[in-house]
Each structure stands twice: as C-alpha cells, then as structure tokens.
Amino acid sequence: MAVRNIRYYGDPVLRTPCDPIAEIDDSVRTLIQDLLDTTDMEGRAGVAAPQIGVGLRAFSWHIDGRTGYMINPVLEEVSGEPEEIDEGCLSVPGLWFKTKRYPYARARGIDLDGEEIVLEGEGLMAQMIQHECGHLDGTVFVDTLAKDERRAAMRQIRESDWF
C-alpha cells in the first residue's frame, strides 16, 4: 500500500460530493490501507478520500495514538455551543484559520467487513469528524468561514506558493 499525495485547494475533486461505496472489494481495501498509510504521519489527524483524489465516502483518522477509518460515514449528531478553534487542512497547507466547530460529534458508518461502526468524541476527535465529513460532502473548511474571514483566507491561499 502507499502514502498518497494530497490534493490542494482548487482541485475539483475537493468540491465534488463523494459517492457512497456500494461494494467492499479489493479496490476499497486498497483505498482504506492507503488512507491509513497517508494519515499515519506526524501532524495528521485525518484524511478523506477526495484529498487523495478518490471521490468515494471514506476517511481515516489518527488521534491520541489511535488510528481508524470509516466507510460511508454519516454525521448524525453534533452538540454543544459552537466554538471558534484554530483549524488547518492538508489540502490548504501551512494555513490555519479560526473555524466554528461543535465540541461534540458522532458519525455512523461501516468497516471493511460491512459491520456498523460509530465514531464519536469531543475536542480534536469532534473537529476531525466534522472536518472529514465536510470533505466527503465537497466542502473545504475555508468554505465555512464568515464572509470577511473567508475573504482574508482566500487572499492568503492565492498568495501561497502551492496554489
């Protein structure tokens, strides 16, 4: 399996809602392993399939020494008062912006055996669940910023050396 290159903001795959995974086959097993390999690096909390160029509903995560994945996740609950937190994204490298996120999130999906799994948490786990589910819906976190903040973020993105 492999660590895959990350697609950057501006790539159309990041703006396209992902298709559900209809059948778990060898290509899906390879995708999940590639997601896990790509996430298992310092400073990476999660990677969604579109970030490695694949338009399917899956993501992997690595938080507090634990690693996992979810196929066909559905963000089923967020709660608490949204808080502004510093957030970054591998698809927007080197840039961090204040983003409103709920302090608790829960998603439901399946694993490679087709068994239902639930991923939930607070803090960084909640932030990651919301962030990665956003990617699967075709949203990059800068799209969620308030108008003036988004304008400033877009200016920084356009001035970056990777854009």
N, C-alpha and C. Protein backbone atom coordinates (compact mmCIF):
# COMPACT_ATOMS: atom_id res chain seq x y z
N MET A 1 0.85 -1.16 0.00
CA MET A 1 0.00 0.00 0.00
C MET A 1 0.90 1.23 0.00
N ALA A 2 0.29 2.43 0.10
CA ALA A 2 1.12 3.61 -0.16
C ALA A 2 0.63 4.86 0.55
N VAL A 3 1.59 5.73 0.80
CA VAL A 3 1.26 7.09 1.22
C VAL A 3 0.97 7.85 -0.08
N ARG A 4 -0.20 8.42 -0.17
CA ARG A 4 -0.64 9.08 -1.40
C ARG A 4 -0.44 10.58 -1.29
N ASN A 5 -0.25 11.24 -2.43
CA ASN A 5 -0.13 12.70 -2.48
C ASN A 5 -1.46 13.34 -2.13
N ILE A 6 -1.37 14.46 -1.43
CA ILE A 6 -2.56 15.21 -1.04
C ILE A 6 -2.92 16.21 -2.14
N ARG A 7 -4.20 16.28 -2.46
CA ARG A 7 -4.71 17.26 -3.44
C ARG A 7 -4.91 18.58 -2.72
N TYR A 8 -4.55 19.67 -3.39
CA TYR A 8 -4.64 21.00 -2.80
C TYR A 8 -5.91 21.74 -3.21
N TYR A 9 -6.26 22.71 -2.36
CA TYR A 9 -7.42 23.57 -2.60
C TYR A 9 -7.36 24.08 -4.04
N GLY A 10 -8.48 24.00 -4.72
CA GLY A 10 -8.55 24.37 -6.13
C GLY A 10 -8.74 23.15 -7.01
N ASP A 11 -8.35 21.98 -6.52
CA ASP A 11 -8.55 20.74 -7.27
C ASP A 11 -10.05 20.42 -7.24
N PRO A 12 -10.66 20.18 -8.40
CA PRO A 12 -12.11 19.93 -8.45
C PRO A 12 -12.59 18.74 -7.62
N VAL A 13 -11.74 17.75 -7.37
CA VAL A 13 -12.18 16.59 -6.59
C VAL A 13 -12.56 17.00 -5.17
N LEU A 14 -11.99 18.10 -4.67
CA LEU A 14 -12.30 18.56 -3.32
C LEU A 14 -13.66 19.26 -3.24
N ARG A 15 -14.21 19.63 -4.36
CA ARG A 15 -15.50 20.32 -4.42
C ARG A 15 -16.65 19.42 -4.84
N THR A 16 -16.37 18.16 -5.06
CA THR A 16 -17.36 17.24 -5.57
C THR A 16 -17.85 16.31 -4.46
N PRO A 17 -19.16 16.29 -4.19
CA PRO A 17 -19.66 15.33 -3.19
C PRO A 17 -19.29 13.90 -3.59
N CYS A 18 -18.87 13.12 -2.62
CA CYS A 18 -18.40 11.75 -2.87
C CYS A 18 -19.55 10.77 -3.02
N ASP A 19 -19.30 9.75 -3.81
CA ASP A 19 -20.26 8.66 -3.99
C ASP A 19 -20.11 7.67 -2.83
N PRO A 20 -21.22 7.09 -2.39
CA PRO A 20 -21.11 6.03 -1.38
C PRO A 20 -20.39 4.81 -1.96
N ILE A 21 -19.76 4.07 -1.10
CA ILE A 21 -19.10 2.83 -1.51
C ILE A 21 -20.18 1.75 -1.52
N ALA A 22 -20.45 1.19 -2.70
CA ALA A 22 -21.55 0.23 -2.86
C ALA A 22 -21.11 -1.20 -2.54
N GLU A 23 -19.85 -1.51 -2.81
CA GLU A 23 -19.37 -2.87 -2.61
C GLU A 23 -17.96 -2.83 -2.06
N ILE A 24 -17.70 -3.62 -1.06
CA ILE A 24 -16.36 -3.68 -0.49
C ILE A 24 -15.60 -4.78 -1.23
N ASP A 25 -14.63 -4.32 -2.03
CA ASP A 25 -13.82 -5.24 -2.82
C ASP A 25 -12.35 -4.90 -2.60
N ASP A 26 -11.47 -5.50 -3.39
CA ASP A 26 -10.04 -5.26 -3.21
C ASP A 26 -9.65 -3.80 -3.44
N SER A 27 -10.34 -3.12 -4.35
CA SER A 27 -10.01 -1.70 -4.58
C SER A 27 -10.35 -0.86 -3.36
N VAL A 28 -11.43 -1.18 -2.67
CA VAL A 28 -11.81 -0.46 -1.45
C VAL A 28 -10.83 -0.80 -0.32
N ARG A 29 -10.43 -2.06 -0.22
CA ARG A 29 -9.44 -2.44 0.79
C ARG A 29 -8.13 -1.68 0.58
N THR A 30 -7.73 -1.56 -0.68
CA THR A 30 -6.51 -0.80 -1.01
C THR A 30 -6.69 0.67 -0.66
N LEU A 31 -7.84 1.24 -0.99
CA LEU A 31 -8.12 2.64 -0.65
C LEU A 31 -8.00 2.86 0.85
N ILE A 32 -8.61 2.00 1.64
CA ILE A 32 -8.57 2.16 3.10
C ILE A 32 -7.14 2.06 3.60
N GLN A 33 -6.37 1.11 3.11
CA GLN A 33 -4.98 1.00 3.55
C GLN A 33 -4.18 2.23 3.14
N ASP A 34 -4.42 2.75 1.94
CA ASP A 34 -3.74 3.97 1.50
C ASP A 34 -4.12 5.16 2.38
N LEU A 35 -5.40 5.25 2.75
CA LEU A 35 -5.83 6.33 3.65
C LEU A 35 -5.13 6.21 5.00
N LEU A 36 -5.08 5.00 5.53
CA LEU A 36 -4.42 4.79 6.82
C LEU A 36 -2.93 5.12 6.73
N ASP A 37 -2.27 4.68 5.67
CA ASP A 37 -0.84 4.98 5.49
C ASP A 37 -0.61 6.48 5.35
N THR A 38 -1.50 7.16 4.65
CA THR A 38 -1.36 8.60 4.42
C THR A 38 -1.64 9.40 5.68
N THR A 39 -2.51 8.90 6.54
CA THR A 39 -2.83 9.58 7.79
C THR A 39 -1.76 9.36 8.85
N ASP A 40 -1.10 8.23 8.80
CA ASP A 40 -0.16 7.84 9.86
C ASP A 40 1.18 8.58 9.75
N MET A 41 1.09 9.91 9.82
CA MET A 41 2.28 10.76 9.77
C MET A 41 2.10 11.86 10.80
N GLU A 42 3.19 12.37 11.30
CA GLU A 42 3.15 13.42 12.32
C GLU A 42 2.28 14.59 11.87
N GLY A 43 1.40 15.04 12.76
CA GLY A 43 0.59 16.22 12.49
C GLY A 43 -0.65 15.98 11.67
N ARG A 44 -0.98 14.74 11.37
CA ARG A 44 -2.17 14.44 10.56
C ARG A 44 -3.22 13.79 11.43
N ALA A 45 -4.37 14.46 11.56
CA ALA A 45 -5.47 13.92 12.37
C ALA A 45 -6.43 13.11 11.52
N GLY A 46 -6.54 13.43 10.24
CA GLY A 46 -7.46 12.70 9.37
C GLY A 46 -7.20 13.00 7.91
N VAL A 47 -7.60 12.09 7.06
CA VAL A 47 -7.51 12.26 5.61
C VAL A 47 -8.77 11.65 5.01
N ALA A 48 -9.44 12.43 4.16
CA ALA A 48 -10.62 11.95 3.45
C ALA A 48 -10.23 11.51 2.04
N ALA A 49 -10.95 10.55 1.49
CA ALA A 49 -10.63 10.00 0.17
C ALA A 49 -10.46 11.07 -0.91
N PRO A 50 -11.29 12.12 -0.98
CA PRO A 50 -11.07 13.10 -2.04
C PRO A 50 -9.73 13.83 -1.90
N GLN A 51 -9.18 13.88 -0.70
CA GLN A 51 -7.88 14.53 -0.53
C GLN A 51 -6.76 13.75 -1.19
N ILE A 52 -7.00 12.47 -1.49
CA ILE A 52 -6.01 11.70 -2.25
C ILE A 52 -6.54 11.39 -3.65
N GLY A 53 -7.55 12.15 -4.07
CA GLY A 53 -8.04 12.08 -5.44
C GLY A 53 -9.10 11.05 -5.72
N VAL A 54 -9.73 10.51 -4.68
CA VAL A 54 -10.74 9.46 -4.85
C VAL A 54 -12.10 9.98 -4.38
N GLY A 55 -13.08 9.97 -5.24
CA GLY A 55 -14.40 10.52 -4.94
C GLY A 55 -15.34 9.54 -4.27
N LEU A 56 -14.87 8.84 -3.25
CA LEU A 56 -15.70 7.88 -2.51
C LEU A 56 -15.77 8.27 -1.04
N ARG A 57 -16.87 7.87 -0.38
CA ARG A 57 -17.12 8.24 1.02
C ARG A 57 -16.34 7.36 1.98
N ALA A 58 -15.13 7.81 2.30
CA ALA A 58 -14.30 7.11 3.29
C ALA A 58 -13.28 8.10 3.82
N PHE A 59 -12.92 7.92 5.10
CA PHE A 59 -11.83 8.69 5.67
C PHE A 59 -11.09 7.85 6.70
N SER A 60 -9.88 8.27 7.01
CA SER A 60 -9.10 7.64 8.06
C SER A 60 -8.74 8.71 9.08
N TRP A 61 -8.34 8.27 10.28
CA TRP A 61 -8.02 9.22 11.33
C TRP A 61 -6.90 8.66 12.21
N HIS A 62 -6.20 9.60 12.86
CA HIS A 62 -5.10 9.25 13.77
C HIS A 62 -5.09 10.31 14.88
N ILE A 63 -5.63 9.94 16.02
CA ILE A 63 -5.76 10.88 17.14
C ILE A 63 -5.41 10.18 18.44
N ASP A 64 -4.61 10.86 19.24
CA ASP A 64 -4.22 10.34 20.56
C ASP A 64 -3.67 8.92 20.49
N GLY A 65 -2.86 8.65 19.47
CA GLY A 65 -2.23 7.35 19.34
C GLY A 65 -3.13 6.26 18.80
N ARG A 66 -4.37 6.58 18.49
CA ARG A 66 -5.32 5.62 17.91
C ARG A 66 -5.54 5.94 16.44
N THR A 67 -5.66 4.90 15.65
CA THR A 67 -5.87 5.06 14.21
C THR A 67 -7.10 4.25 13.81
N GLY A 68 -7.84 4.77 12.84
CA GLY A 68 -9.01 4.06 12.36
C GLY A 68 -9.48 4.61 11.03
N TYR A 69 -10.60 4.09 10.58
CA TYR A 69 -11.19 4.52 9.31
C TYR A 69 -12.70 4.34 9.41
N MET A 70 -13.38 4.93 8.46
CA MET A 70 -14.83 4.78 8.39
C MET A 70 -15.24 4.84 6.91
N ILE A 71 -16.09 3.92 6.52
CA ILE A 71 -16.65 3.85 5.17
C ILE A 71 -18.09 4.34 5.23
N ASN A 72 -18.46 5.14 4.25
CA ASN A 72 -19.81 5.70 4.13
C ASN A 72 -20.29 6.39 5.42
N PRO A 73 -19.44 7.24 5.99
CA PRO A 73 -19.86 7.91 7.23
C PRO A 73 -21.00 8.89 7.00
N VAL A 74 -21.84 8.95 8.00
CA VAL A 74 -22.91 9.95 8.04
C VAL A 74 -22.75 10.68 9.37
N LEU A 75 -22.61 11.99 9.29
CA LEU A 75 -22.53 12.81 10.50
C LEU A 75 -23.94 12.85 11.06
N GLU A 76 -24.16 12.14 12.19
CA GLU A 76 -25.52 12.02 12.67
C GLU A 76 -25.83 12.92 13.86
N GLU A 77 -24.81 13.43 14.54
CA GLU A 77 -25.09 14.34 15.65
C GLU A 77 -23.90 15.24 15.92
N VAL A 78 -24.22 16.50 16.17
CA VAL A 78 -23.27 17.46 16.73
C VAL A 78 -24.01 18.15 17.87
N SER A 79 -23.28 18.53 18.92
CA SER A 79 -23.96 19.20 20.01
C SER A 79 -23.00 20.09 20.77
N GLY A 80 -23.61 20.91 21.61
CA GLY A 80 -22.86 21.90 22.36
C GLY A 80 -22.89 23.23 21.64
N GLU A 81 -22.33 24.22 22.26
CA GLU A 81 -22.25 25.55 21.66
C GLU A 81 -21.03 25.61 20.73
N PRO A 82 -21.23 25.95 19.44
CA PRO A 82 -20.07 26.01 18.54
C PRO A 82 -19.00 26.96 19.09
N GLU A 83 -17.75 26.52 18.93
CA GLU A 83 -16.60 27.29 19.42
C GLU A 83 -15.68 27.60 18.25
N GLU A 84 -15.05 28.76 18.29
CA GLU A 84 -14.03 29.08 17.29
C GLU A 84 -12.72 28.44 17.72
N ILE A 85 -12.18 27.62 16.84
CA ILE A 85 -10.91 26.96 17.11
C ILE A 85 -10.00 27.13 15.90
N ASP A 86 -8.71 27.07 16.14
CA ASP A 86 -7.76 27.11 15.03
C ASP A 86 -7.86 25.79 14.27
N GLU A 87 -8.00 25.89 12.96
CA GLU A 87 -8.11 24.68 12.15
C GLU A 87 -7.25 24.82 10.92
N GLY A 88 -6.64 23.72 10.56
CA GLY A 88 -5.85 23.64 9.34
C GLY A 88 -6.34 22.47 8.51
N CYS A 89 -5.72 22.28 7.36
CA CYS A 89 -6.13 21.22 6.45
C CYS A 89 -4.95 20.85 5.57
N LEU A 90 -4.74 19.58 5.36
CA LEU A 90 -3.65 19.14 4.48
C LEU A 90 -3.83 19.67 3.06
N SER A 91 -5.05 19.95 2.66
CA SER A 91 -5.33 20.49 1.33
C SER A 91 -5.17 22.00 1.27
N VAL A 92 -4.90 22.62 2.40
CA VAL A 92 -4.63 24.06 2.49
C VAL A 92 -3.36 24.19 3.35
N PRO A 93 -2.23 23.68 2.85
CA PRO A 93 -1.05 23.52 3.69
C PRO A 93 -0.48 24.83 4.23
N GLY A 94 -0.11 24.76 5.51
CA GLY A 94 0.58 25.87 6.16
C GLY A 94 -0.32 27.00 6.62
N LEU A 95 -1.62 26.90 6.39
CA LEU A 95 -2.53 27.99 6.76
C LEU A 95 -3.54 27.48 7.79
N TRP A 96 -3.78 28.29 8.80
CA TRP A 96 -4.73 27.96 9.87
C TRP A 96 -5.68 29.12 10.02
N PHE A 97 -6.97 28.81 10.23
CA PHE A 97 -7.98 29.85 10.38
C PHE A 97 -8.94 29.49 11.51
N LYS A 98 -9.49 30.50 12.15
CA LYS A 98 -10.49 30.30 13.20
C LYS A 98 -11.76 29.76 12.54
N THR A 99 -12.18 28.59 12.99
CA THR A 99 -13.32 27.89 12.41
C THR A 99 -14.29 27.51 13.51
N LYS A 100 -15.58 27.71 13.27
CA LYS A 100 -16.59 27.31 14.27
C LYS A 100 -16.87 25.82 14.14
N ARG A 101 -16.71 25.13 15.25
CA ARG A 101 -16.99 23.68 15.31
C ARG A 101 -17.74 23.37 16.60
N TYR A 102 -18.61 22.39 16.50
CA TYR A 102 -19.30 21.90 17.69
C TYR A 102 -18.31 21.10 18.54
N PRO A 103 -18.44 21.17 19.86
CA PRO A 103 -17.50 20.45 20.72
C PRO A 103 -17.71 18.93 20.76
N TYR A 104 -18.85 18.44 20.27
CA TYR A 104 -19.11 17.01 20.24
C TYR A 104 -19.65 16.63 18.87
N ALA A 105 -19.21 15.48 18.36
CA ALA A 105 -19.72 14.98 17.08
C ALA A 105 -19.76 13.45 17.11
N ARG A 106 -20.74 12.91 16.36
CA ARG A 106 -20.85 11.46 16.21
C ARG A 106 -21.18 11.14 14.75
N ALA A 107 -20.48 10.16 14.21
CA ALA A 107 -20.75 9.68 12.85
C ALA A 107 -20.96 8.18 12.90
N ARG A 108 -21.74 7.70 11.97
CA ARG A 108 -22.02 6.27 11.85
C ARG A 108 -21.66 5.84 10.43
N GLY A 109 -21.01 4.70 10.32
CA GLY A 109 -20.62 4.15 9.02
C GLY A 109 -20.40 2.66 9.15
N ILE A 110 -19.56 2.13 8.26
CA ILE A 110 -19.26 0.70 8.29
C ILE A 110 -17.75 0.49 8.19
N ASP A 111 -17.33 -0.74 8.52
CA ASP A 111 -15.93 -1.11 8.37
C ASP A 111 -15.80 -2.02 7.14
N LEU A 112 -14.60 -2.56 6.93
CA LEU A 112 -14.34 -3.38 5.74
C LEU A 112 -15.12 -4.70 5.74
N ASP A 113 -15.65 -5.09 6.88
CA ASP A 113 -16.48 -6.28 6.94
C ASP A 113 -17.96 -5.97 6.77
N GLY A 114 -18.29 -4.70 6.54
CA GLY A 114 -19.68 -4.29 6.39
C GLY A 114 -20.39 -4.12 7.72
N GLU A 115 -19.65 -4.21 8.81
CA GLU A 115 -20.24 -4.06 10.14
C GLU A 115 -20.38 -2.57 10.49
N GLU A 116 -21.49 -2.24 11.12
CA GLU A 116 -21.73 -0.85 11.52
C GLU A 116 -20.74 -0.43 12.60
N ILE A 117 -20.21 0.78 12.46
CA ILE A 117 -19.34 1.36 13.48
C ILE A 117 -19.80 2.78 13.77
N VAL A 118 -19.54 3.21 14.99
CA VAL A 118 -19.85 4.56 15.42
C VAL A 118 -18.56 5.18 15.91
N LEU A 119 -18.32 6.40 15.46
CA LEU A 119 -17.16 7.16 15.91
C LEU A 119 -17.68 8.44 16.52
N GLU A 120 -17.29 8.71 17.76
CA GLU A 120 -17.78 9.90 18.43
C GLU A 120 -16.70 10.44 19.34
N GLY A 121 -16.84 11.70 19.67
CA GLY A 121 -15.89 12.28 20.60
C GLY A 121 -16.04 13.77 20.74
N GLU A 122 -15.18 14.30 21.59
CA GLU A 122 -15.12 15.74 21.85
C GLU A 122 -13.75 16.23 21.43
N GLY A 123 -13.60 17.54 21.45
CA GLY A 123 -12.30 18.13 21.15
C GLY A 123 -11.81 17.81 19.75
N LEU A 124 -10.56 17.37 19.65
CA LEU A 124 -9.96 17.10 18.35
C LEU A 124 -10.72 16.02 17.58
N MET A 125 -11.23 15.01 18.27
CA MET A 125 -12.00 13.96 17.58
C MET A 125 -13.26 14.56 16.95
N ALA A 126 -13.97 15.40 17.68
CA ALA A 126 -15.18 16.05 17.15
C ALA A 126 -14.83 16.93 15.96
N GLN A 127 -13.75 17.67 16.09
CA GLN A 127 -13.31 18.55 15.00
C GLN A 127 -12.98 17.72 13.75
N MET A 128 -12.25 16.63 13.93
CA MET A 128 -11.86 15.79 12.80
C MET A 128 -13.09 15.19 12.13
N ILE A 129 -14.03 14.67 12.91
CA ILE A 129 -15.24 14.07 12.32
C ILE A 129 -15.97 15.10 11.45
N GLN A 130 -16.16 16.30 11.97
CA GLN A 130 -16.85 17.35 11.21
C GLN A 130 -16.07 17.74 9.97
N HIS A 131 -14.75 17.87 10.11
CA HIS A 131 -13.88 18.29 9.02
C HIS A 131 -13.88 17.25 7.88
N GLU A 132 -13.68 15.97 8.24
CA GLU A 132 -13.59 14.93 7.21
C GLU A 132 -14.95 14.67 6.56
N CYS A 133 -16.04 14.69 7.33
CA CYS A 133 -17.37 14.55 6.72
C CYS A 133 -17.65 15.71 5.77
N GLY A 134 -17.16 16.90 6.11
CA GLY A 134 -17.28 18.04 5.20
C GLY A 134 -16.60 17.76 3.87
N HIS A 135 -15.37 17.22 3.92
CA HIS A 135 -14.67 16.86 2.68
C HIS A 135 -15.51 15.91 1.83
N LEU A 136 -16.14 14.94 2.47
CA LEU A 136 -16.91 13.95 1.71
C LEU A 136 -18.16 14.55 1.08
N ASP A 137 -18.60 15.68 1.61
CA ASP A 137 -19.74 16.40 1.04
C ASP A 137 -19.31 17.47 0.03
N GLY A 138 -18.01 17.56 -0.25
CA GLY A 138 -17.50 18.52 -1.22
C GLY A 138 -17.20 19.89 -0.64
N THR A 139 -16.98 19.96 0.67
CA THR A 139 -16.72 21.23 1.35
C THR A 139 -15.32 21.22 1.96
N VAL A 140 -14.59 22.30 1.73
CA VAL A 140 -13.31 22.51 2.39
C VAL A 140 -13.57 23.49 3.52
N PHE A 141 -12.89 23.34 4.64
CA PHE A 141 -13.23 24.12 5.83
C PHE A 141 -13.22 25.62 5.60
N VAL A 142 -12.43 26.14 4.67
CA VAL A 142 -12.44 27.58 4.44
C VAL A 142 -13.77 28.05 3.88
N ASP A 143 -14.54 27.14 3.29
CA ASP A 143 -15.87 27.48 2.77
C ASP A 143 -16.84 27.81 3.90
N THR A 144 -16.54 27.38 5.11
CA THR A 144 -17.44 27.57 6.24
C THR A 144 -17.14 28.84 7.03
N LEU A 145 -16.08 29.55 6.67
CA LEU A 145 -15.69 30.75 7.42
C LEU A 145 -16.67 31.89 7.17
N ALA A 146 -16.74 32.80 8.13
CA ALA A 146 -17.54 34.02 7.97
C ALA A 146 -16.99 34.80 6.77
N LYS A 147 -17.85 35.60 6.16
CA LYS A 147 -17.53 36.28 4.89
C LYS A 147 -16.19 37.02 4.91
N ASP A 148 -15.95 37.88 5.89
CA ASP A 148 -14.71 38.64 5.94
C ASP A 148 -13.51 37.74 6.18
N GLU A 149 -13.68 36.74 7.04
CA GLU A 149 -12.59 35.81 7.32
C GLU A 149 -12.28 34.96 6.09
N ARG A 150 -13.31 34.58 5.37
CA ARG A 150 -13.11 33.78 4.15
C ARG A 150 -12.38 34.60 3.10
N ARG A 151 -12.73 35.85 2.97
CA ARG A 151 -12.05 36.73 2.01
C ARG A 151 -10.56 36.82 2.34
N ALA A 152 -10.23 37.01 3.62
CA ALA A 152 -8.83 37.07 4.04
C ALA A 152 -8.13 35.73 3.81
N ALA A 153 -8.84 34.64 4.10
CA ALA A 153 -8.26 33.31 3.89
C ALA A 153 -7.98 33.08 2.40
N MET A 154 -8.91 33.47 1.55
CA MET A 154 -8.72 33.29 0.11
C MET A 154 -7.53 34.10 -0.40
N ARG A 155 -7.33 35.27 0.15
CA ARG A 155 -6.17 36.09 -0.22
C ARG A 155 -4.88 35.34 0.14
N GLN A 156 -4.84 34.78 1.36
CA GLN A 156 -3.66 34.02 1.78
C GLN A 156 -3.44 32.78 0.92
N ILE A 157 -4.52 32.12 0.56
CA ILE A 157 -4.42 30.94 -0.30
C ILE A 157 -3.84 31.33 -1.66
N ARG A 158 -4.39 32.40 -2.27
CA ARG A 158 -3.91 32.84 -3.58
C ARG A 158 -2.44 33.26 -3.55
N GLU A 159 -1.99 33.76 -2.40
CA GLU A 159 -0.60 34.20 -2.28
C GLU A 159 0.36 33.08 -1.90
N SER A 160 -0.17 31.91 -1.57
CA SER A 160 0.68 30.80 -1.15
C SER A 160 1.48 30.24 -2.33
N ASP A 161 2.59 29.62 -2.03
CA ASP A 161 3.45 29.08 -3.09
C ASP A 161 2.91 27.78 -3.69
N TRP A 162 1.95 27.12 -3.08
CA TRP A 162 1.40 25.87 -3.59
C TRP A 162 0.16 26.07 -4.45
N PHE A 163 -0.45 27.26 -4.41
CA PHE A 163 -1.72 27.48 -5.13
C PHE A 163 -1.46 27.73 -6.60
